[in-house]
Amino acid sequence: MSVEESERSSASSIANLSGRVVAVSPHLDDAVMSLGSALAQAVQAGARVEILTVFSDIPSSTAAASSWDSECGFATEGEAATARREEDRRACAVLGAEPRWLNFGAECYERRGNDDDIYDAVTSAIRGADAVLVPGFPLAHADHECLSKLLLEKGIDSPRIGLYAEQPYTFTQGKAPSASTPSPLEPVIGATGTWTRMRTDRAIWRTKYRAVRSYRSQLRHLGLAHIGLHRMLWREAAQGGEAIAWLP
């Protein structure tokens, strides 16, 4: 793809991020790490952006922390949920987005609902959205894969649906999608669509950097403390920006 074609694709994707935009985030940090630049651009262009986190856990839980949350310094699910929701609130404020949280548990905790409950809650929360974004690649985490498959198999009622490449997985696993890379969701939805890169300027890059830095409890364990985050964002920019595939 030429630079001119890339710029046209990026402009088209930004145009799709208009009106009410909902980015579906499996956990508290996924959408901001993956789409922070695109969502900040959309806000600047006048869109109303919401980040809907599905597996947000619940602050009232006294269940023992998972091994991950324990390594991050938390004693219980509730302690982790409280701190991480506050981190998410700060990150969304940097982008100009509205955080929304559902109380379902991540895979390491009690789910507090079945697939139908999750689908009904998500579709109720996104009803009326002009554009909806869901994880699409590489879906290395079980929660990400099951959530996207559930939503796309049962259907999302929105005129514009996009898949997004997930960070930090595309960085840590070296699996950034190119224009023709299929999504693991292709068997569910047929042709994935073409992955396009969202080009951004330095000011937007800095906005995403500040937003991601809000997730302080997670960065060291994700390998993104200090120089790691710079490397991730530098590589993302060098590849042309965040990646989105709009479904036909």
Protein backbone atom coordinates (compact mmCIF):
# COMPACT_ATOMS: atom_id res chain seq x y z
CA MET A 1 0.00 0.00 0.00
CA SER A 2 1.40 3.39 -0.99
CA VAL A 3 1.68 6.30 1.44
CA GLU A 4 -1.17 8.05 -0.37
CA GLU A 5 -3.39 4.96 -0.16
CA SER A 6 -2.49 4.54 3.51
CA GLU A 7 -3.45 8.14 4.25
CA ARG A 8 -6.78 7.68 2.47
CA SER A 9 -7.49 4.51 4.46
CA SER A 10 -6.63 6.25 7.70
CA ALA A 11 -8.90 9.19 6.86
CA SER A 12 -11.71 6.77 6.04
CA SER A 13 -11.31 5.02 9.39
CA ILE A 14 -11.39 8.31 11.27
CA ALA A 15 -14.59 9.20 9.39
CA ASN A 16 -16.08 5.92 10.62
CA LEU A 17 -15.33 6.97 14.20
CA SER A 18 -18.04 9.59 14.30
CA GLY A 19 -21.24 10.07 16.25
CA ARG A 20 -21.44 7.78 19.28
CA VAL A 21 -18.49 5.38 19.29
CA VAL A 22 -18.22 2.44 21.71
CA ALA A 23 -14.95 0.55 22.11
CA VAL A 24 -15.60 -2.81 23.79
CA SER A 25 -12.72 -3.64 26.12
CA PRO A 26 -12.49 -7.10 27.68
CA HIS A 27 -10.46 -5.85 30.66
CA LEU A 28 -9.55 -2.54 32.26
CA ASP A 29 -6.82 -1.29 29.89
CA ASP A 30 -7.29 -3.23 26.64
CA ALA A 31 -9.11 -0.61 24.56
CA VAL A 32 -6.91 2.28 25.66
CA MET A 33 -3.69 0.36 24.97
CA SER A 34 -5.01 -0.78 21.59
CA LEU A 35 -6.98 2.26 20.38
CA GLY A 36 -5.95 5.22 22.51
CA SER A 37 -4.73 7.30 19.57
CA ALA A 38 -7.73 6.60 17.35
CA LEU A 39 -10.18 7.30 20.15
CA ALA A 40 -8.43 10.55 21.08
CA GLN A 41 -8.59 11.63 17.45
CA ALA A 42 -12.28 10.76 17.30
CA VAL A 43 -12.98 12.85 20.39
CA GLN A 44 -11.10 15.79 18.89
CA ALA A 45 -13.21 15.42 15.73
CA GLY A 46 -16.42 15.67 17.78
CA ALA A 47 -17.33 12.03 18.45
CA ARG A 48 -18.81 10.89 21.74
CA VAL A 49 -16.54 8.02 22.76
CA GLU A 50 -17.34 5.39 25.38
CA ILE A 51 -15.07 2.60 26.55
CA LEU A 52 -17.13 -0.34 27.77
CA THR A 53 -15.16 -2.80 29.89
CA VAL A 54 -16.94 -6.13 30.20
CA PHE A 55 -14.84 -8.14 32.67
CA SER A 56 -14.29 -5.36 35.21
CA ASP A 57 -14.62 -7.59 38.31
CA ILE A 58 -16.36 -6.00 41.31
CA PRO A 59 -14.99 -3.73 44.05
CA SER A 60 -17.08 -5.44 46.76
CA SER A 61 -15.52 -8.89 46.25
CA THR A 62 -13.42 -10.38 49.04
CA ALA A 63 -12.22 -13.29 46.89
CA ALA A 64 -8.49 -13.85 47.04
CA ALA A 65 -6.59 -12.07 44.30
CA SER A 66 -5.62 -14.07 41.23
CA SER A 67 -1.95 -14.82 40.72
CA TRP A 68 -1.73 -11.90 38.28
CA ASP A 69 -3.42 -9.42 40.61
CA SER A 70 -1.38 -10.70 43.53
CA GLU A 71 1.83 -10.04 41.58
CA CYS A 72 0.51 -6.53 40.93
CA GLY A 73 0.25 -5.97 44.69
CA PHE A 74 -3.42 -6.65 45.40
CA ALA A 75 -4.81 -8.93 48.11
CA THR A 76 -8.36 -9.42 46.82
CA GLU A 77 -10.42 -9.18 43.65
CA GLY A 78 -12.21 -6.17 45.11
CA GLU A 79 -9.00 -4.33 45.91
CA ALA A 80 -7.73 -4.89 42.37
CA ALA A 81 -11.06 -3.88 40.81
CA THR A 82 -11.22 -0.67 42.84
CA ALA A 83 -7.70 0.41 41.94
CA ARG A 84 -7.92 -0.62 38.30
CA ARG A 85 -11.25 1.13 37.75
CA GLU A 86 -9.68 4.32 39.08
CA GLU A 87 -6.76 3.85 36.69
CA ASP A 88 -9.24 3.36 33.86
CA ARG A 89 -11.15 6.49 34.88
CA ARG A 90 -7.94 8.53 34.69
CA ALA A 91 -6.93 7.01 31.34
CA CYS A 92 -10.33 7.72 29.80
CA ALA A 93 -10.21 11.30 31.10
CA VAL A 94 -6.92 11.81 29.26
CA LEU A 95 -8.54 10.65 26.00
CA GLY A 96 -11.81 12.49 26.60
CA ALA A 97 -13.75 9.21 26.67
CA GLU A 98 -16.44 8.01 29.07
CA PRO A 99 -15.64 4.81 31.01
CA ARG A 100 -18.41 2.27 31.52
CA TRP A 101 -17.96 -0.93 33.49
CA LEU A 102 -19.86 -4.20 33.65
CA ASN A 103 -19.49 -6.37 36.75
CA PHE A 104 -18.61 -9.68 35.10
CA GLY A 105 -15.52 -11.44 36.40
CA ALA A 106 -12.39 -12.14 34.39
CA GLU A 107 -11.54 -15.79 33.72
CA CYS A 108 -9.59 -16.07 36.99
CA TYR A 109 -12.62 -15.04 39.09
CA GLU A 110 -16.28 -15.94 39.36
CA ARG A 111 -17.90 -14.93 36.05
CA ARG A 112 -21.21 -13.84 37.63
CA GLY A 113 -23.21 -14.61 34.53
CA ASN A 114 -23.40 -16.91 31.53
CA ASP A 115 -22.88 -16.07 27.85
CA ASP A 116 -26.47 -14.91 27.44
CA ASP A 117 -26.13 -12.58 30.42
CA ILE A 118 -22.93 -11.11 29.00
CA TYR A 119 -24.39 -10.69 25.53
CA ASP A 120 -27.55 -9.04 26.83
CA ALA A 121 -25.58 -6.64 29.05
CA VAL A 122 -23.18 -5.63 26.29
CA THR A 123 -25.82 -5.19 23.61
CA SER A 124 -27.92 -3.12 25.99
CA ALA A 125 -24.94 -0.88 26.74
CA ILE A 126 -24.04 -0.33 23.07
CA ARG A 127 -27.60 0.08 21.79
CA GLY A 128 -27.81 3.09 19.47
CA ALA A 129 -24.05 3.36 18.88
CA ASP A 130 -22.98 4.61 15.46
CA ALA A 131 -19.77 2.57 15.57
CA VAL A 132 -18.67 -0.37 17.72
CA LEU A 133 -15.12 -1.69 18.01
CA VAL A 134 -14.29 -5.17 19.34
CA PRO A 135 -11.00 -7.08 19.74
CA GLY A 136 -10.00 -8.81 16.52
CA PHE A 137 -6.34 -9.81 16.54
CA PRO A 138 -4.46 -11.79 17.77
CA LEU A 139 -7.03 -12.82 20.46
CA ALA A 140 -4.30 -14.48 22.49
CA HIS A 141 -6.22 -14.12 25.76
CA ALA A 142 -9.16 -16.49 26.32
CA ASP A 143 -11.43 -13.70 27.60
CA HIS A 144 -10.81 -11.63 24.45
CA GLU A 145 -11.51 -14.52 22.11
CA CYS A 146 -14.69 -15.70 23.82
CA LEU A 147 -16.09 -12.16 24.09
CA SER A 148 -15.53 -11.23 20.44
CA LYS A 149 -16.84 -14.57 19.18
CA LEU A 150 -19.91 -14.28 21.38
CA LEU A 151 -20.76 -10.78 20.16
CA LEU A 152 -20.11 -11.43 16.49
CA GLU A 153 -21.82 -14.83 16.39
CA LYS A 154 -24.98 -13.48 18.02
CA GLY A 155 -24.83 -10.14 16.25
CA ILE A 156 -24.04 -6.48 16.97
CA ASP A 157 -26.69 -3.95 16.00
CA SER A 158 -24.60 -1.06 14.72
CA PRO A 159 -24.11 0.44 11.25
CA ARG A 160 -20.31 0.33 11.60
CA ILE A 161 -18.43 -2.54 13.26
CA GLY A 162 -14.66 -2.66 13.45
CA LEU A 163 -12.11 -5.15 14.73
CA TYR A 164 -9.02 -3.80 16.43
CA ALA A 165 -5.51 -5.17 16.78
CA GLU A 166 -4.75 -5.63 20.47
CA GLN A 167 -1.88 -4.17 22.39
CA PRO A 168 0.39 -5.14 24.00
CA TYR A 169 -0.09 -8.55 22.36
CA THR A 170 0.83 -7.44 18.84
CA PHE A 171 3.98 -5.89 20.32
CA THR A 172 5.07 -8.65 22.70
CA GLN A 173 4.24 -11.49 20.31
CA GLY A 174 5.42 -9.78 17.14
CA LYS A 175 2.12 -10.42 15.39
CA ALA A 176 1.12 -7.04 13.97
CA PRO A 177 -1.49 -7.49 11.21
CA SER A 178 -0.84 -6.37 7.63
CA ALA A 179 -3.52 -5.41 5.13
CA SER A 180 -4.26 -9.04 4.23
CA THR A 181 -3.81 -10.70 7.64
CA PRO A 182 -6.90 -12.77 8.56
CA SER A 183 -8.42 -12.46 12.00
CA PRO A 184 -9.03 -15.55 14.14
CA LEU A 185 -12.66 -14.44 13.87
CA GLU A 186 -12.82 -15.11 10.13
CA PRO A 187 -14.55 -18.52 10.57
CA VAL A 188 -17.28 -16.72 12.53
CA ILE A 189 -17.88 -13.72 10.28
CA GLY A 190 -16.47 -14.72 6.90
CA ALA A 191 -14.02 -12.30 5.30
CA THR A 192 -12.46 -10.10 7.97
CA GLY A 193 -12.02 -6.96 5.93
CA THR A 194 -8.81 -5.07 5.30
CA TRP A 195 -6.61 -3.96 8.17
CA THR A 196 -5.90 -0.26 7.91
CA ARG A 197 -3.50 1.83 9.96
CA MET A 198 -4.56 4.95 11.84
CA ARG A 199 -1.87 7.58 11.29
CA THR A 200 -1.50 10.12 14.08
CA ASP A 201 0.60 13.15 14.86
CA ARG A 202 3.01 13.58 17.76
CA ALA A 203 0.44 15.32 19.98
CA ILE A 204 -1.96 12.37 19.70
CA TRP A 205 0.93 9.96 20.31
CA ARG A 206 1.70 11.81 23.55
CA THR A 207 -1.96 11.69 24.55
CA LYS A 208 -2.03 7.91 24.18
CA TYR A 209 1.24 7.64 26.08
CA ARG A 210 -0.19 9.60 29.02
CA ALA A 211 -3.40 7.56 28.97
CA VAL A 212 -1.60 4.21 28.99
CA ARG A 213 0.68 5.44 31.78
CA SER A 214 -2.46 5.68 33.94
CA TYR A 215 -2.47 1.87 34.29
CA ARG A 216 0.44 1.95 36.69
CA SER A 217 -0.41 -1.31 38.48
CA GLN A 218 -0.12 -3.22 35.20
CA LEU A 219 2.77 -1.74 33.24
CA ARG A 220 5.72 -3.50 34.87
CA HIS A 221 4.05 -6.90 34.62
CA LEU A 222 3.19 -6.29 30.97
CA GLY A 223 6.78 -5.35 30.19
CA LEU A 224 5.79 -1.74 29.54
CA ALA A 225 7.48 0.05 32.41
CA HIS A 226 9.86 2.82 31.39
CA ILE A 227 11.40 2.09 27.98
CA GLY A 228 9.01 -0.79 27.22
CA LEU A 229 6.04 1.49 26.61
CA HIS A 230 8.14 3.79 24.42
CA ARG A 231 9.23 0.81 22.36
CA MET A 232 5.67 -0.43 21.93
CA LEU A 233 4.39 2.94 20.78
CA TRP A 234 7.44 3.58 18.59
CA ARG A 235 6.96 0.26 16.80
CA GLU A 236 3.23 0.92 16.44
CA ALA A 237 3.98 4.31 14.85
CA ALA A 238 6.69 2.83 12.62
CA GLN A 239 4.16 0.29 11.32
CA GLY A 240 1.76 3.11 10.44
CA GLY A 241 -0.33 3.41 13.61
CA GLU A 242 -3.08 1.43 15.31
CA ALA A 243 -4.81 -1.19 13.17
CA ILE A 244 -8.57 -1.48 12.55
CA ALA A 245 -10.46 -3.73 10.13
CA TRP A 246 -13.99 -2.52 9.32
CA LEU A 247 -16.47 -5.28 8.55
CA PRO A 248 -18.39 -5.13 5.28
